[in-house]
Amino acid sequence: MRNADWALVAAFLSAIATGFAAWAAILGPRIAAKIANNLKAEYDATEEKRKLKLQVFATIMSYRGATYSTEAVKSFNLIDIVFADARPVRDNWAKYLDSLDERNAVPSHEKNSRLLDLLRTMAEDLGLGEKFRMDDFQRLYYPKAQEQEDQIRAMQHEALLRTLETTQSSPGANTTPDFAQSGDAGSDRR
């Protein structure tokens, strides 16, 4: 090849390189922006999921002395959704839920142990496992006045249930007419 041929090849390659540089200069920022947007959306979704997990964990921690409260029950029922990617949490939730079934006759100390295991695995999933000791989960503030209020509410609830059961079981409680006894069951009045 002659020098002129090399110069022509060099010019052609230089033109191709210039075309690629122009293409990269035009599309590069667009591609970078798209990648940045995708990374931000992924980060936001991960952060929102973490916030939901933290909210469920914090609520159950707050009500661990009153797991029957409306707030705690709502949070327990969100575990399978919010911690869908955390099998150990869901497994411990299933064990705890199983202990609450009266037919299984699980002793109260075992129920409490399963609740603490659930809280521990939730903390670990949130990256807080090393910051909590088991006694941190067991420590609970429940003032006597609060306990008395809860007992009064429970007694009022039981009294209301007894009243309802008595009312429903009394003969006059069913106000639906018994057509079979009155002989009107098959009559057609026009």
Protein backbone atom coordinates (compact mmCIF):
# COMPACT_ATOMS: atom_id res chain seq x y z
CA MET A 1 0.00 0.00 0.00
CA ARG A 2 1.13 3.44 -0.79
CA ASN A 3 1.14 6.43 1.51
CA ALA A 4 -1.90 7.85 -0.28
CA ASP A 5 -3.82 4.62 0.36
CA TRP A 6 -2.88 4.75 4.05
CA ALA A 7 -3.99 8.37 4.21
CA LEU A 8 -7.35 7.43 2.66
CA VAL A 9 -7.82 4.56 5.15
CA ALA A 10 -6.85 6.86 8.03
CA ALA A 11 -9.32 9.53 6.83
CA PHE A 12 -12.09 6.94 6.53
CA LEU A 13 -11.41 5.56 10.01
CA SER A 14 -11.20 9.11 11.35
CA ALA A 15 -14.62 9.85 9.84
CA ILE A 16 -16.07 6.71 11.44
CA ALA A 17 -14.54 7.64 14.80
CA THR A 18 -15.94 11.17 14.50
CA GLY A 19 -19.39 9.71 13.72
CA PHE A 20 -19.24 7.48 16.80
CA ALA A 21 -18.09 10.41 18.94
CA ALA A 22 -20.99 12.53 17.67
CA TRP A 23 -23.42 9.66 18.29
CA ALA A 24 -22.04 9.18 21.82
CA ALA A 25 -22.18 12.93 22.47
CA ILE A 26 -25.84 13.02 21.47
CA LEU A 27 -27.06 9.73 22.98
CA GLY A 28 -24.66 9.46 25.91
CA PRO A 29 -26.42 11.95 28.18
CA ARG A 30 -29.83 10.46 27.29
CA ILE A 31 -28.66 6.96 28.12
CA ALA A 32 -27.00 8.17 31.31
CA ALA A 33 -30.20 10.01 32.33
CA LYS A 34 -32.28 6.91 31.65
CA ILE A 35 -29.94 4.75 33.72
CA ALA A 36 -29.99 7.33 36.52
CA ASN A 37 -33.81 7.44 36.46
CA ASN A 38 -34.02 3.65 36.59
CA LEU A 39 -31.57 3.51 39.50
CA LYS A 40 -33.51 6.24 41.37
CA ALA A 41 -36.84 4.46 40.81
CA GLU A 42 -35.33 1.21 42.06
CA TYR A 43 -33.86 2.99 45.09
CA ASP A 44 -37.19 4.71 45.83
CA ALA A 45 -39.08 1.41 45.61
CA THR A 46 -36.56 -0.26 47.91
CA GLU A 47 -36.72 2.64 50.35
CA GLU A 48 -40.54 2.63 50.35
CA LYS A 49 -40.54 -1.11 51.00
CA ARG A 50 -38.10 -0.61 53.87
CA LYS A 51 -40.30 2.15 55.34
CA LEU A 52 -43.32 -0.17 55.25
CA LYS A 53 -41.33 -2.96 56.91
CA LEU A 54 -40.08 -0.55 59.56
CA GLN A 55 -43.62 0.71 60.18
CA VAL A 56 -44.96 -2.83 60.67
CA PHE A 57 -42.01 -3.73 62.91
CA ALA A 58 -42.35 -0.54 64.99
CA THR A 59 -46.09 -1.04 65.43
CA ILE A 60 -45.70 -4.64 66.60
CA MET A 61 -42.86 -3.58 68.91
CA SER A 62 -45.10 -0.82 70.30
CA TYR A 63 -47.98 -3.19 70.92
CA ARG A 64 -46.05 -6.32 71.89
CA GLY A 65 -47.70 -6.15 75.31
CA ALA A 66 -51.16 -5.89 73.72
CA THR A 67 -50.97 -7.96 70.56
CA TYR A 68 -54.77 -8.10 70.37
CA SER A 69 -55.02 -4.32 69.77
CA THR A 70 -56.43 -3.16 66.46
CA GLU A 71 -53.13 -1.56 65.42
CA ALA A 72 -51.12 -4.69 66.20
CA VAL A 73 -53.61 -6.94 64.40
CA LYS A 74 -53.43 -4.76 61.28
CA SER A 75 -49.64 -4.91 61.34
CA PHE A 76 -49.57 -8.67 61.89
CA ASN A 77 -51.85 -9.07 58.88
CA LEU A 78 -49.45 -7.04 56.72
CA ILE A 79 -46.42 -9.23 57.45
CA ASP A 80 -46.99 -11.63 54.54
CA ILE A 81 -47.24 -8.71 52.12
CA VAL A 82 -44.56 -6.37 53.43
CA PHE A 83 -42.05 -9.13 54.25
CA ALA A 84 -42.86 -11.24 51.18
CA ASP A 85 -39.15 -11.44 50.33
CA ALA A 86 -38.12 -12.43 53.87
CA ARG A 87 -38.86 -16.13 54.34
CA PRO A 88 -37.47 -16.34 57.93
CA VAL A 89 -39.84 -13.56 59.03
CA ARG A 90 -42.81 -15.23 57.39
CA ASP A 91 -41.88 -18.60 58.89
CA ASN A 92 -41.69 -17.11 62.38
CA TRP A 93 -44.96 -15.27 61.78
CA ALA A 94 -46.61 -18.60 60.88
CA LYS A 95 -45.21 -20.21 64.06
CA TYR A 96 -46.44 -17.34 66.21
CA LEU A 97 -49.87 -17.33 64.56
CA ASP A 98 -50.11 -21.09 65.08
CA SER A 99 -49.39 -20.59 68.79
CA LEU A 100 -52.37 -18.22 69.05
CA ASP A 101 -54.81 -20.92 67.94
CA GLU A 102 -56.47 -22.08 71.17
CA ARG A 103 -56.90 -25.59 69.77
CA ASN A 104 -53.10 -26.00 69.88
CA ALA A 105 -52.95 -25.24 73.63
CA VAL A 106 -49.55 -23.54 73.40
CA PRO A 107 -48.37 -22.29 76.83
CA SER A 108 -48.16 -18.51 77.21
CA HIS A 109 -44.36 -18.57 77.70
CA GLU A 110 -44.02 -20.36 74.34
CA LYS A 111 -46.31 -17.82 72.65
CA ASN A 112 -44.16 -15.03 74.04
CA SER A 113 -40.99 -16.79 72.88
CA ARG A 114 -42.39 -17.10 69.36
CA LEU A 115 -43.35 -13.41 69.34
CA LEU A 116 -39.81 -12.49 70.38
CA ASP A 117 -38.40 -14.73 67.62
CA LEU A 118 -40.65 -12.97 65.11
CA LEU A 119 -39.50 -9.54 66.29
CA ARG A 120 -35.85 -10.65 66.20
CA THR A 121 -36.08 -11.89 62.59
CA MET A 122 -37.92 -8.72 61.55
CA ALA A 123 -35.11 -6.64 63.08
CA GLU A 124 -32.50 -8.76 61.30
CA ASP A 125 -34.28 -8.33 57.96
CA LEU A 126 -34.26 -4.56 58.51
CA GLY A 127 -30.53 -4.62 59.28
CA LEU A 128 -31.15 -3.83 62.95
CA GLY A 129 -30.38 -7.29 64.32
CA GLU A 130 -27.01 -6.41 65.81
CA LYS A 131 -28.45 -3.34 67.52
CA PHE A 132 -30.97 -5.31 69.59
CA ARG A 133 -30.41 -7.83 72.33
CA MET A 134 -33.11 -10.31 73.34
CA ASP A 135 -33.80 -8.37 76.54
CA ASP A 136 -34.48 -5.27 74.41
CA PHE A 137 -37.43 -7.11 72.90
CA GLN A 138 -38.61 -8.24 76.33
CA ARG A 139 -38.46 -4.83 78.00
CA LEU A 140 -41.94 -3.36 78.11
CA TYR A 141 -43.50 -0.26 79.62
CA TYR A 142 -47.08 -0.94 80.69
CA PRO A 143 -48.23 1.38 83.50
CA LYS A 144 -50.71 0.14 86.09
CA ALA A 145 -53.30 2.75 85.04
CA GLN A 146 -53.15 1.47 81.45
CA GLU A 147 -53.48 -2.12 82.64
CA GLN A 148 -56.54 -1.21 84.72
CA GLU A 149 -58.16 0.61 81.79
CA ASP A 150 -57.58 -2.43 79.58
CA GLN A 151 -59.08 -4.72 82.23
CA ILE A 152 -62.17 -2.49 82.55
CA ARG A 153 -62.63 -2.47 78.77
CA ALA A 154 -62.25 -6.25 78.68
CA MET A 155 -64.86 -6.69 81.42
CA GLN A 156 -67.25 -4.31 79.65
CA HIS A 157 -66.73 -6.26 76.44
CA GLU A 158 -67.43 -9.58 78.16
CA ALA A 159 -70.57 -8.15 79.82
CA LEU A 160 -71.81 -6.89 76.45
CA LEU A 161 -71.18 -10.30 74.88
CA ARG A 162 -73.11 -12.04 77.70
CA THR A 163 -76.00 -9.60 77.22
CA LEU A 164 -76.06 -10.26 73.48
CA GLU A 165 -75.91 -14.03 73.99
CA THR A 166 -78.76 -13.88 76.52
CA THR A 167 -80.84 -11.68 74.22
CA GLN A 168 -80.28 -13.93 71.22
CA SER A 169 -81.04 -17.13 73.11
CA SER A 170 -84.33 -15.87 74.62
CA PRO A 171 -87.56 -17.08 72.93
CA GLY A 172 -88.68 -13.57 71.97
CA ALA A 173 -85.39 -12.73 70.33
CA ASN A 174 -86.41 -14.22 67.00
CA THR A 175 -89.08 -11.90 65.67
CA THR A 176 -89.46 -13.71 62.35
CA PRO A 177 -93.01 -15.09 62.14
CA ASP A 178 -93.29 -18.87 62.01
CA PHE A 179 -95.67 -19.34 59.06
CA ALA A 180 -95.66 -23.11 59.32
CA GLN A 181 -97.35 -23.01 62.73
CA SER A 182 -99.88 -20.31 61.84
CA GLY A 183 -101.15 -22.20 58.80
CA ASP A 184 -100.36 -19.34 56.41
CA ALA A 185 -97.37 -21.04 54.82
CA GLY A 186 -99.09 -22.10 51.64
CA SER A 187 -101.95 -19.64 51.37
CA ASP A 188 -102.09 -17.20 48.53
CA ARG A 189 -104.03 -14.04 49.35
CA ARG A 190 -104.90 -11.63 46.59
